[in-house]
Amino acid sequence: VQVHDTFGLTDYGFALYRERGNKNELISSRSHSVRSCGVHHGDTIYLTPLNGALWSKDPASHPSTSKAVNNTPSGEPVIDAPSKFAPPRGPSLTLQEDDVDLQLWKLDGKVQRKKDDKFCRHGANACCVHCSPLEPFDEAYLKEQNVKHLSFHAYLRKLTAGVD
């Protein structure tokens, strides 16, 4: 109910998941609290529509100010408060990324490794598990190199890995 009201959705045709890819669904229940479901502050929750009509707003369900009824004590029309998640009206804002970010996004960002003579049994132009490039967020590599913090672009790659 809180998700429905917060985002101003028209129906309950959605599901909440703990993991990307519709894994580990959070079952909606009035008898269970958020904490009893194992969700804590800062956890990422994924909202997925169950049908195509979730994001469309029905104009009949949201009356405009011209069709509003005078049902307040002062006789003024009731105006629906705009949702804080509604797209802005008027001229659209175009955001422009920095040139550095655009250049870094074009790079694959993988950590190149040299051929290991102990383990690699292939030619000079081939590649195996021991010498193939690693993702910048590879946990084993980060521990081996004693890296404490990911770069911002490596973090973005980690979040978007497997989305395509």
N, C-alpha and C. Protein backbone atom coordinates (compact mmCIF):
# COMPACT_ATOMS: atom_id res chain seq x y z
N VAL A 1 0.83 -1.18 0.00
CA VAL A 1 0.00 0.00 0.00
C VAL A 1 0.88 1.25 0.00
N GLN A 2 1.96 1.23 0.77
CA GLN A 2 2.84 2.39 0.83
C GLN A 2 3.48 2.66 -0.52
N VAL A 3 3.90 1.62 -1.22
CA VAL A 3 4.52 1.80 -2.54
C VAL A 3 3.50 2.37 -3.51
N HIS A 4 2.29 1.84 -3.48
CA HIS A 4 1.22 2.31 -4.36
C HIS A 4 0.95 3.79 -4.13
N ASP A 5 0.84 4.20 -2.87
CA ASP A 5 0.54 5.59 -2.55
C ASP A 5 1.73 6.51 -2.83
N THR A 6 2.93 6.06 -2.51
CA THR A 6 4.12 6.89 -2.68
C THR A 6 4.37 7.24 -4.14
N PHE A 7 4.23 6.26 -5.02
CA PHE A 7 4.50 6.49 -6.43
C PHE A 7 3.26 6.92 -7.21
N GLY A 8 2.11 6.98 -6.57
CA GLY A 8 0.89 7.41 -7.24
C GLY A 8 0.48 6.47 -8.36
N LEU A 9 0.58 5.17 -8.13
CA LEU A 9 0.25 4.18 -9.16
C LEU A 9 -1.26 4.03 -9.27
N THR A 10 -1.71 3.65 -10.46
CA THR A 10 -3.15 3.55 -10.71
C THR A 10 -3.74 2.23 -10.24
N ASP A 11 -2.92 1.17 -10.14
CA ASP A 11 -3.43 -0.11 -9.69
C ASP A 11 -2.34 -0.86 -8.93
N TYR A 12 -2.67 -2.05 -8.49
CA TYR A 12 -1.72 -2.85 -7.72
C TYR A 12 -1.08 -3.93 -8.60
N GLY A 13 -0.92 -3.66 -9.87
CA GLY A 13 -0.34 -4.61 -10.81
C GLY A 13 1.17 -4.55 -10.83
N PHE A 14 1.80 -4.72 -9.68
CA PHE A 14 3.26 -4.69 -9.61
C PHE A 14 3.73 -5.68 -8.55
N ALA A 15 5.00 -6.01 -8.62
CA ALA A 15 5.61 -6.88 -7.62
C ALA A 15 6.93 -6.27 -7.18
N LEU A 16 7.31 -6.54 -5.94
CA LEU A 16 8.57 -6.05 -5.39
C LEU A 16 9.53 -7.22 -5.22
N TYR A 17 10.79 -6.98 -5.60
CA TYR A 17 11.81 -8.02 -5.51
C TYR A 17 13.04 -7.49 -4.80
N ARG A 18 13.74 -8.38 -4.10
CA ARG A 18 14.98 -8.01 -3.44
C ARG A 18 16.15 -7.99 -4.40
N GLU A 19 16.09 -8.79 -5.46
CA GLU A 19 17.20 -8.92 -6.39
C GLU A 19 16.74 -8.58 -7.80
N ARG A 20 17.69 -8.08 -8.59
CA ARG A 20 17.41 -7.77 -9.98
C ARG A 20 17.09 -9.06 -10.73
N GLY A 21 16.28 -8.96 -11.74
CA GLY A 21 15.93 -10.14 -12.51
C GLY A 21 14.75 -10.89 -11.93
N ASN A 22 13.92 -10.20 -11.16
CA ASN A 22 12.71 -10.78 -10.56
C ASN A 22 13.01 -12.01 -9.71
N LYS A 23 14.01 -11.89 -8.84
CA LYS A 23 14.37 -12.97 -7.93
C LYS A 23 14.07 -12.53 -6.51
N ASN A 24 13.62 -13.48 -5.70
CA ASN A 24 13.38 -13.25 -4.28
C ASN A 24 12.28 -12.21 -4.06
N GLU A 25 11.06 -12.57 -4.41
CA GLU A 25 9.92 -11.64 -4.33
C GLU A 25 9.54 -11.35 -2.88
N LEU A 26 9.17 -10.09 -2.64
CA LEU A 26 8.63 -9.68 -1.35
C LEU A 26 7.11 -9.80 -1.44
N ILE A 27 6.53 -10.64 -0.65
CA ILE A 27 5.09 -10.88 -0.69
C ILE A 27 4.38 -9.76 0.07
N SER A 28 3.36 -9.18 -0.56
CA SER A 28 2.60 -8.10 0.05
C SER A 28 1.66 -8.68 1.11
N SER A 29 1.72 -8.12 2.30
CA SER A 29 0.88 -8.61 3.38
C SER A 29 0.64 -7.48 4.38
N ARG A 30 -0.60 -7.37 4.84
CA ARG A 30 -0.91 -6.36 5.85
C ARG A 30 -0.47 -6.82 7.24
N SER A 31 -0.31 -8.13 7.43
CA SER A 31 0.04 -8.64 8.76
C SER A 31 1.54 -8.64 9.02
N HIS A 32 2.37 -8.50 7.97
CA HIS A 32 3.82 -8.48 8.15
C HIS A 32 4.35 -7.07 7.96
N SER A 33 5.31 -6.72 8.79
CA SER A 33 5.95 -5.41 8.64
C SER A 33 7.12 -5.53 7.67
N VAL A 34 7.66 -4.39 7.29
CA VAL A 34 8.80 -4.37 6.38
C VAL A 34 9.99 -5.04 7.04
N ARG A 35 10.20 -4.78 8.30
CA ARG A 35 11.34 -5.37 9.02
C ARG A 35 11.21 -6.89 9.12
N SER A 36 9.99 -7.39 9.29
CA SER A 36 9.82 -8.85 9.39
C SER A 36 10.08 -9.54 8.06
N CYS A 37 10.02 -8.80 6.97
CA CYS A 37 10.36 -9.36 5.65
C CYS A 37 11.86 -9.37 5.42
N GLY A 38 12.62 -8.78 6.33
CA GLY A 38 14.07 -8.77 6.19
C GLY A 38 14.60 -7.58 5.43
N VAL A 39 13.78 -6.55 5.24
CA VAL A 39 14.21 -5.35 4.52
C VAL A 39 14.63 -4.31 5.54
N HIS A 40 15.80 -3.74 5.34
CA HIS A 40 16.33 -2.75 6.26
C HIS A 40 16.60 -1.45 5.51
N HIS A 41 16.88 -0.40 6.26
CA HIS A 41 17.17 0.91 5.67
C HIS A 41 18.38 0.80 4.74
N GLY A 42 18.24 1.30 3.53
CA GLY A 42 19.33 1.28 2.57
C GLY A 42 19.29 0.11 1.61
N ASP A 43 18.42 -0.87 1.84
CA ASP A 43 18.32 -2.00 0.93
C ASP A 43 17.67 -1.56 -0.37
N THR A 44 18.12 -2.13 -1.47
CA THR A 44 17.55 -1.82 -2.78
C THR A 44 16.40 -2.78 -3.05
N ILE A 45 15.27 -2.22 -3.44
CA ILE A 45 14.09 -2.99 -3.79
C ILE A 45 13.76 -2.70 -5.25
N TYR A 46 13.43 -3.73 -6.02
CA TYR A 46 13.12 -3.58 -7.43
C TYR A 46 11.62 -3.70 -7.65
N LEU A 47 11.02 -2.70 -8.27
CA LEU A 47 9.59 -2.66 -8.58
C LEU A 47 9.42 -3.08 -10.02
N THR A 48 8.63 -4.12 -10.26
CA THR A 48 8.42 -4.64 -11.60
C THR A 48 6.94 -4.67 -11.91
N PRO A 49 6.52 -4.11 -13.05
CA PRO A 49 5.10 -4.17 -13.41
C PRO A 49 4.69 -5.58 -13.81
N LEU A 50 3.48 -5.97 -13.45
CA LEU A 50 2.96 -7.27 -13.84
C LEU A 50 2.17 -7.18 -15.14
N ASN A 51 1.79 -5.97 -15.53
CA ASN A 51 1.11 -5.77 -16.81
C ASN A 51 1.61 -4.47 -17.41
N GLY A 52 1.29 -4.20 -18.64
CA GLY A 52 1.80 -3.02 -19.32
C GLY A 52 1.14 -1.72 -18.90
N ALA A 53 0.02 -1.77 -18.20
CA ALA A 53 -0.74 -0.56 -17.88
C ALA A 53 -0.32 0.07 -16.55
N LEU A 54 0.74 -0.42 -15.94
CA LEU A 54 1.11 0.09 -14.61
C LEU A 54 1.50 1.55 -14.64
N TRP A 55 2.28 1.97 -15.61
CA TRP A 55 2.82 3.32 -15.60
C TRP A 55 1.90 4.33 -16.26
N SER A 56 0.85 3.87 -16.93
CA SER A 56 -0.05 4.83 -17.58
C SER A 56 -1.03 5.35 -16.55
N LYS A 57 -1.26 6.63 -16.61
CA LYS A 57 -2.21 7.26 -15.69
C LYS A 57 -3.56 7.36 -16.39
N ASP A 58 -4.61 7.01 -15.69
CA ASP A 58 -5.96 7.12 -16.22
C ASP A 58 -6.47 8.52 -15.93
N PRO A 59 -6.71 9.33 -16.96
CA PRO A 59 -7.15 10.69 -16.69
C PRO A 59 -8.49 10.77 -15.97
N ALA A 60 -9.34 9.75 -16.10
CA ALA A 60 -10.63 9.78 -15.43
C ALA A 60 -10.48 9.63 -13.92
N SER A 61 -9.42 8.94 -13.49
CA SER A 61 -9.24 8.74 -12.05
C SER A 61 -8.60 9.92 -11.37
N HIS A 62 -8.01 10.85 -12.13
CA HIS A 62 -7.39 12.04 -11.57
C HIS A 62 -8.07 13.28 -12.13
N PRO A 63 -9.08 13.81 -11.43
CA PRO A 63 -9.80 14.96 -11.98
C PRO A 63 -8.92 16.20 -12.04
N SER A 64 -9.15 16.99 -13.06
CA SER A 64 -8.39 18.23 -13.18
C SER A 64 -9.07 19.32 -12.37
N THR A 65 -8.44 20.49 -12.30
CA THR A 65 -9.01 21.57 -11.49
C THR A 65 -10.31 22.08 -12.08
N SER A 66 -10.49 21.99 -13.41
CA SER A 66 -11.72 22.49 -14.01
C SER A 66 -12.90 21.57 -13.70
N LYS A 67 -12.65 20.29 -13.44
CA LYS A 67 -13.72 19.35 -13.16
C LYS A 67 -13.87 19.09 -11.67
N ALA A 68 -13.10 19.76 -10.84
CA ALA A 68 -13.11 19.49 -9.40
C ALA A 68 -14.44 19.92 -8.78
N VAL A 69 -14.81 19.23 -7.75
CA VAL A 69 -16.06 19.50 -7.06
C VAL A 69 -15.79 20.42 -5.88
N ASN A 70 -16.71 21.33 -5.61
CA ASN A 70 -16.57 22.24 -4.47
C ASN A 70 -17.04 21.51 -3.21
N ASN A 71 -16.15 20.74 -2.61
CA ASN A 71 -16.56 19.98 -1.43
C ASN A 71 -15.75 20.34 -0.19
N THR A 72 -15.07 21.47 -0.20
CA THR A 72 -14.36 21.91 1.00
C THR A 72 -15.26 22.88 1.75
N PRO A 73 -15.00 23.09 3.05
CA PRO A 73 -15.85 24.00 3.82
C PRO A 73 -15.87 25.42 3.25
N SER A 74 -14.78 25.86 2.65
CA SER A 74 -14.74 27.22 2.12
C SER A 74 -15.33 27.31 0.72
N GLY A 75 -15.69 26.17 0.12
CA GLY A 75 -16.27 26.17 -1.21
C GLY A 75 -15.25 26.19 -2.32
N GLU A 76 -13.97 26.10 -1.98
CA GLU A 76 -12.93 26.10 -3.01
C GLU A 76 -12.82 24.70 -3.62
N PRO A 77 -12.45 24.62 -4.88
CA PRO A 77 -12.33 23.30 -5.51
C PRO A 77 -11.14 22.53 -4.93
N VAL A 78 -11.30 21.22 -4.90
CA VAL A 78 -10.23 20.35 -4.42
C VAL A 78 -9.26 20.14 -5.57
N ILE A 79 -8.00 20.39 -5.31
CA ILE A 79 -6.98 20.22 -6.33
C ILE A 79 -6.09 19.06 -5.91
N ASP A 80 -5.93 18.10 -6.83
CA ASP A 80 -5.04 16.98 -6.53
C ASP A 80 -3.62 17.49 -6.39
N ALA A 81 -2.97 17.08 -5.33
CA ALA A 81 -1.56 17.45 -5.14
C ALA A 81 -0.72 16.68 -6.15
N PRO A 82 0.19 17.35 -6.82
CA PRO A 82 1.01 16.63 -7.79
C PRO A 82 1.92 15.64 -7.08
N SER A 83 2.09 14.50 -7.70
CA SER A 83 2.98 13.49 -7.14
C SER A 83 4.41 13.98 -7.18
N LYS A 84 5.18 13.66 -6.15
CA LYS A 84 6.57 14.11 -6.15
C LYS A 84 7.40 13.34 -7.16
N PHE A 85 6.83 12.28 -7.75
CA PHE A 85 7.54 11.52 -8.75
C PHE A 85 7.02 11.79 -10.16
N ALA A 86 6.09 12.71 -10.29
CA ALA A 86 5.53 13.03 -11.60
C ALA A 86 6.56 13.78 -12.43
N PRO A 87 6.56 13.58 -13.75
CA PRO A 87 7.50 14.31 -14.58
C PRO A 87 7.19 15.80 -14.56
N PRO A 88 8.20 16.65 -14.64
CA PRO A 88 7.97 18.08 -14.60
C PRO A 88 7.21 18.54 -15.84
N ARG A 89 6.34 19.51 -15.64
CA ARG A 89 5.59 20.06 -16.77
C ARG A 89 6.30 21.30 -17.27
N GLY A 90 6.08 21.63 -18.51
CA GLY A 90 6.73 22.79 -19.08
C GLY A 90 7.94 22.36 -19.89
N PRO A 91 8.90 23.28 -20.08
CA PRO A 91 10.05 22.93 -20.91
C PRO A 91 10.86 21.81 -20.26
N SER A 92 11.22 20.84 -21.09
CA SER A 92 11.97 19.70 -20.55
C SER A 92 13.42 20.08 -20.34
N LEU A 93 13.98 19.55 -19.28
CA LEU A 93 15.37 19.81 -18.96
C LEU A 93 16.23 18.75 -19.64
N THR A 94 17.29 19.19 -20.28
CA THR A 94 18.21 18.24 -20.88
C THR A 94 19.49 18.25 -20.07
N LEU A 95 19.84 17.10 -19.58
CA LEU A 95 21.05 16.97 -18.80
C LEU A 95 22.19 16.57 -19.72
N GLN A 96 23.34 17.14 -19.48
CA GLN A 96 24.49 16.83 -20.31
C GLN A 96 25.60 16.27 -19.42
N GLU A 97 26.09 15.09 -19.79
CA GLU A 97 27.16 14.48 -19.02
C GLU A 97 28.48 15.14 -19.36
N ASP A 98 29.41 15.09 -18.42
CA ASP A 98 30.74 15.61 -18.66
C ASP A 98 31.44 14.78 -19.73
N ASP A 99 32.37 15.41 -20.44
CA ASP A 99 33.12 14.71 -21.48
C ASP A 99 33.92 13.55 -20.90
N VAL A 100 34.43 13.72 -19.70
CA VAL A 100 35.21 12.66 -19.06
C VAL A 100 34.34 11.42 -18.85
N ASP A 101 33.12 11.63 -18.37
CA ASP A 101 32.21 10.51 -18.15
C ASP A 101 31.87 9.81 -19.45
N LEU A 102 31.65 10.57 -20.50
CA LEU A 102 31.34 9.98 -21.80
C LEU A 102 32.51 9.15 -22.32
N GLN A 103 33.73 9.65 -22.17
CA GLN A 103 34.91 8.91 -22.62
C GLN A 103 35.10 7.63 -21.79
N LEU A 104 34.93 7.73 -20.48
CA LEU A 104 35.11 6.56 -19.63
C LEU A 104 34.04 5.51 -19.88
N TRP A 105 32.83 5.92 -20.22
CA TRP A 105 31.76 4.96 -20.48
C TRP A 105 32.02 4.19 -21.77
N LYS A 106 32.74 4.79 -22.72
CA LYS A 106 33.06 4.11 -23.98
C LYS A 106 34.10 3.01 -23.78
N LEU A 107 34.96 3.15 -22.77
CA LEU A 107 35.97 2.14 -22.50
C LEU A 107 35.32 0.94 -21.81
N ASP A 108 35.89 -0.24 -22.03
CA ASP A 108 35.31 -1.41 -21.38
C ASP A 108 35.69 -1.50 -19.91
N GLY A 109 36.80 -0.87 -19.51
CA GLY A 109 37.18 -0.78 -18.10
C GLY A 109 37.74 -2.06 -17.51
N LYS A 110 38.00 -3.06 -18.34
CA LYS A 110 38.50 -4.33 -17.82
C LYS A 110 39.98 -4.24 -17.47
N VAL A 111 40.39 -5.02 -16.49
CA VAL A 111 41.78 -5.06 -16.04
C VAL A 111 42.51 -6.09 -16.89
N GLN A 112 43.47 -5.63 -17.68
CA GLN A 112 44.22 -6.52 -18.57
C GLN A 112 45.25 -7.31 -17.77
N ARG A 113 45.41 -8.60 -18.10
CA ARG A 113 46.41 -9.44 -17.44
C ARG A 113 47.34 -10.03 -18.49
N LYS A 114 48.58 -10.23 -18.10
CA LYS A 114 49.58 -10.81 -19.00
C LYS A 114 49.48 -12.33 -18.97
N LYS A 115 50.06 -12.96 -19.98
CA LYS A 115 50.08 -14.41 -20.05
C LYS A 115 50.93 -14.96 -18.91
N ASP A 116 50.38 -15.91 -18.18
CA ASP A 116 51.09 -16.53 -17.06
C ASP A 116 51.75 -17.81 -17.56
N ASP A 117 53.09 -17.85 -17.52
CA ASP A 117 53.83 -19.00 -18.06
C ASP A 117 53.58 -20.28 -17.26
N LYS A 118 53.21 -20.17 -16.00
CA LYS A 118 52.97 -21.36 -15.18
C LYS A 118 51.68 -22.08 -15.58
N PHE A 119 50.63 -21.30 -15.83
CA PHE A 119 49.31 -21.89 -16.04
C PHE A 119 48.86 -21.90 -17.49
N CYS A 120 49.25 -20.92 -18.29
CA CYS A 120 48.75 -20.79 -19.66
C CYS A 120 49.48 -21.76 -20.58
N ARG A 121 48.72 -22.55 -21.34
CA ARG A 121 49.28 -23.54 -22.26
C ARG A 121 48.81 -23.25 -23.69
N HIS A 122 48.75 -21.99 -24.06
CA HIS A 122 48.25 -21.62 -25.38
C HIS A 122 49.24 -20.71 -26.07
N GLY A 123 48.94 -20.36 -27.31
CA GLY A 123 49.82 -19.51 -28.10
C GLY A 123 49.78 -18.06 -27.64
N ALA A 124 50.51 -17.22 -28.35
CA ALA A 124 50.65 -15.81 -27.96
C ALA A 124 49.35 -15.03 -28.15
N ASN A 125 48.54 -15.38 -29.14
CA ASN A 125 47.32 -14.62 -29.43
C ASN A 125 46.07 -15.20 -28.77
N ALA A 126 46.20 -16.29 -28.06
CA ALA A 126 45.04 -16.91 -27.42
C ALA A 126 44.86 -16.37 -26.00
N CYS A 127 43.76 -16.77 -25.39
CA CYS A 127 43.44 -16.28 -24.05
C CYS A 127 42.75 -17.41 -23.28
N CYS A 128 43.04 -17.51 -21.99
CA CYS A 128 42.41 -18.54 -21.17
C CYS A 128 41.90 -17.91 -19.87
N VAL A 129 41.47 -18.74 -18.95
CA VAL A 129 40.93 -18.26 -17.69
C VAL A 129 41.97 -17.50 -16.87
N HIS A 130 43.23 -17.88 -17.01
CA HIS A 130 44.29 -17.29 -16.20
C HIS A 130 44.79 -15.95 -16.73
N CYS A 131 44.54 -15.65 -18.01
CA CYS A 131 45.06 -14.40 -18.56
C CYS A 131 43.98 -13.52 -19.20
N SER A 132 42.72 -13.94 -19.15
CA SER A 132 41.65 -13.12 -19.72
C SER A 132 41.43 -11.88 -18.87
N PRO A 133 40.97 -10.78 -19.47
CA PRO A 133 40.74 -9.54 -18.70
C PRO A 133 39.65 -9.74 -17.64
N LEU A 134 39.82 -9.05 -16.53
CA LEU A 134 38.86 -9.12 -15.42
C LEU A 134 37.99 -7.88 -15.38
N GLU A 135 36.77 -8.05 -14.88
CA GLU A 135 35.91 -6.90 -14.64
C GLU A 135 36.52 -6.09 -13.48
N PRO A 136 36.35 -4.77 -13.48
CA PRO A 136 36.96 -3.94 -12.43
C PRO A 136 36.36 -4.17 -11.05
N PHE A 137 35.24 -4.87 -10.98
CA PHE A 137 34.59 -5.12 -9.69
C PHE A 137 34.73 -6.57 -9.25
N ASP A 138 35.64 -7.33 -9.87
CA ASP A 138 35.86 -8.72 -9.52
C ASP A 138 36.37 -8.81 -8.07
N GLU A 139 35.63 -9.54 -7.22
CA GLU A 139 35.95 -9.59 -5.79
C GLU A 139 37.33 -10.19 -5.52
N ALA A 140 37.69 -11.25 -6.24
CA ALA A 140 38.99 -11.89 -6.01
C ALA A 140 40.12 -10.93 -6.36
N TYR A 141 39.97 -10.20 -7.46
CA TYR A 141 41.01 -9.25 -7.87
C TYR A 141 41.13 -8.11 -6.84
N LEU A 142 40.01 -7.61 -6.36
CA LEU A 142 40.03 -6.52 -5.39
C LEU A 142 40.72 -6.93 -4.09
N LYS A 143 40.47 -8.17 -3.64
CA LYS A 143 41.12 -8.65 -2.42
C LYS A 143 42.61 -8.87 -2.66
N GLU A 144 42.95 -9.43 -3.82
CA GLU A 144 44.35 -9.72 -4.13
C GLU A 144 45.18 -8.44 -4.21
N GLN A 145 44.61 -7.39 -4.78
CA GLN A 145 45.33 -6.12 -4.94
C GLN A 145 45.13 -5.18 -3.75
N ASN A 146 44.37 -5.62 -2.75
CA ASN A 146 44.09 -4.83 -1.55
C ASN A 146 43.45 -3.48 -1.90
N VAL A 147 42.45 -3.53 -2.77
CA VAL A 147 41.71 -2.33 -3.17
C VAL A 147 40.57 -2.14 -2.16
N LYS A 148 40.52 -0.97 -1.56
CA LYS A 148 39.51 -0.71 -0.54
C LYS A 148 38.21 -0.16 -1.12
N HIS A 149 38.32 0.69 -2.16
CA HIS A 149 37.13 1.34 -2.70
C HIS A 149 37.11 1.22 -4.22
N LEU A 150 35.94 0.96 -4.76
CA LEU A 150 35.75 0.93 -6.21
C LEU A 150 35.70 2.35 -6.74
N SER A 151 36.13 2.52 -7.97
CA SER A 151 35.92 3.82 -8.61
C SER A 151 34.43 3.94 -8.92
N PHE A 152 33.98 5.16 -9.14
CA PHE A 152 32.57 5.39 -9.41
C PHE A 152 32.12 4.68 -10.68
N HIS A 153 32.95 4.73 -11.73
CA HIS A 153 32.58 4.09 -12.99
C HIS A 153 32.58 2.56 -12.86
N ALA A 154 33.49 2.01 -12.05
CA ALA A 154 33.47 0.57 -11.82
C ALA A 154 32.20 0.18 -11.06
N TYR A 155 31.78 1.02 -10.14
CA TYR A 155 30.55 0.77 -9.40
C TYR A 155 29.34 0.80 -10.34
N LEU A 156 29.30 1.77 -11.26
CA LEU A 156 28.20 1.82 -12.22
C LEU A 156 28.18 0.59 -13.11
N ARG A 157 29.36 0.12 -13.52
CA ARG A 157 29.44 -1.10 -14.33
C ARG A 157 28.94 -2.30 -13.54
N LYS A 158 29.23 -2.34 -12.26
CA LYS A 158 28.78 -3.44 -11.42
C LYS A 158 27.25 -3.44 -11.32
N LEU A 159 26.66 -2.26 -11.17
CA LEU A 159 25.20 -2.16 -11.07
C LEU A 159 24.51 -2.54 -12.37
N THR A 160 25.12 -2.21 -13.50
CA THR A 160 24.47 -2.46 -14.78
C THR A 160 24.95 -3.74 -15.45
N ALA A 161 25.79 -4.52 -14.79
CA ALA A 161 26.27 -5.77 -15.38
C ALA A 161 25.12 -6.75 -15.51
N GLY A 162 24.96 -7.32 -16.67
CA GLY A 162 23.93 -8.32 -16.90
C GLY A 162 22.55 -7.76 -17.16
N VAL A 163 22.41 -6.45 -17.24
CA VAL A 163 21.09 -5.85 -17.48
C VAL A 163 20.69 -5.99 -18.94
N ASP A 164 21.66 -5.91 -19.83
CA ASP A 164 21.36 -5.98 -21.26
C ASP A 164 20.82 -7.30 -21.57
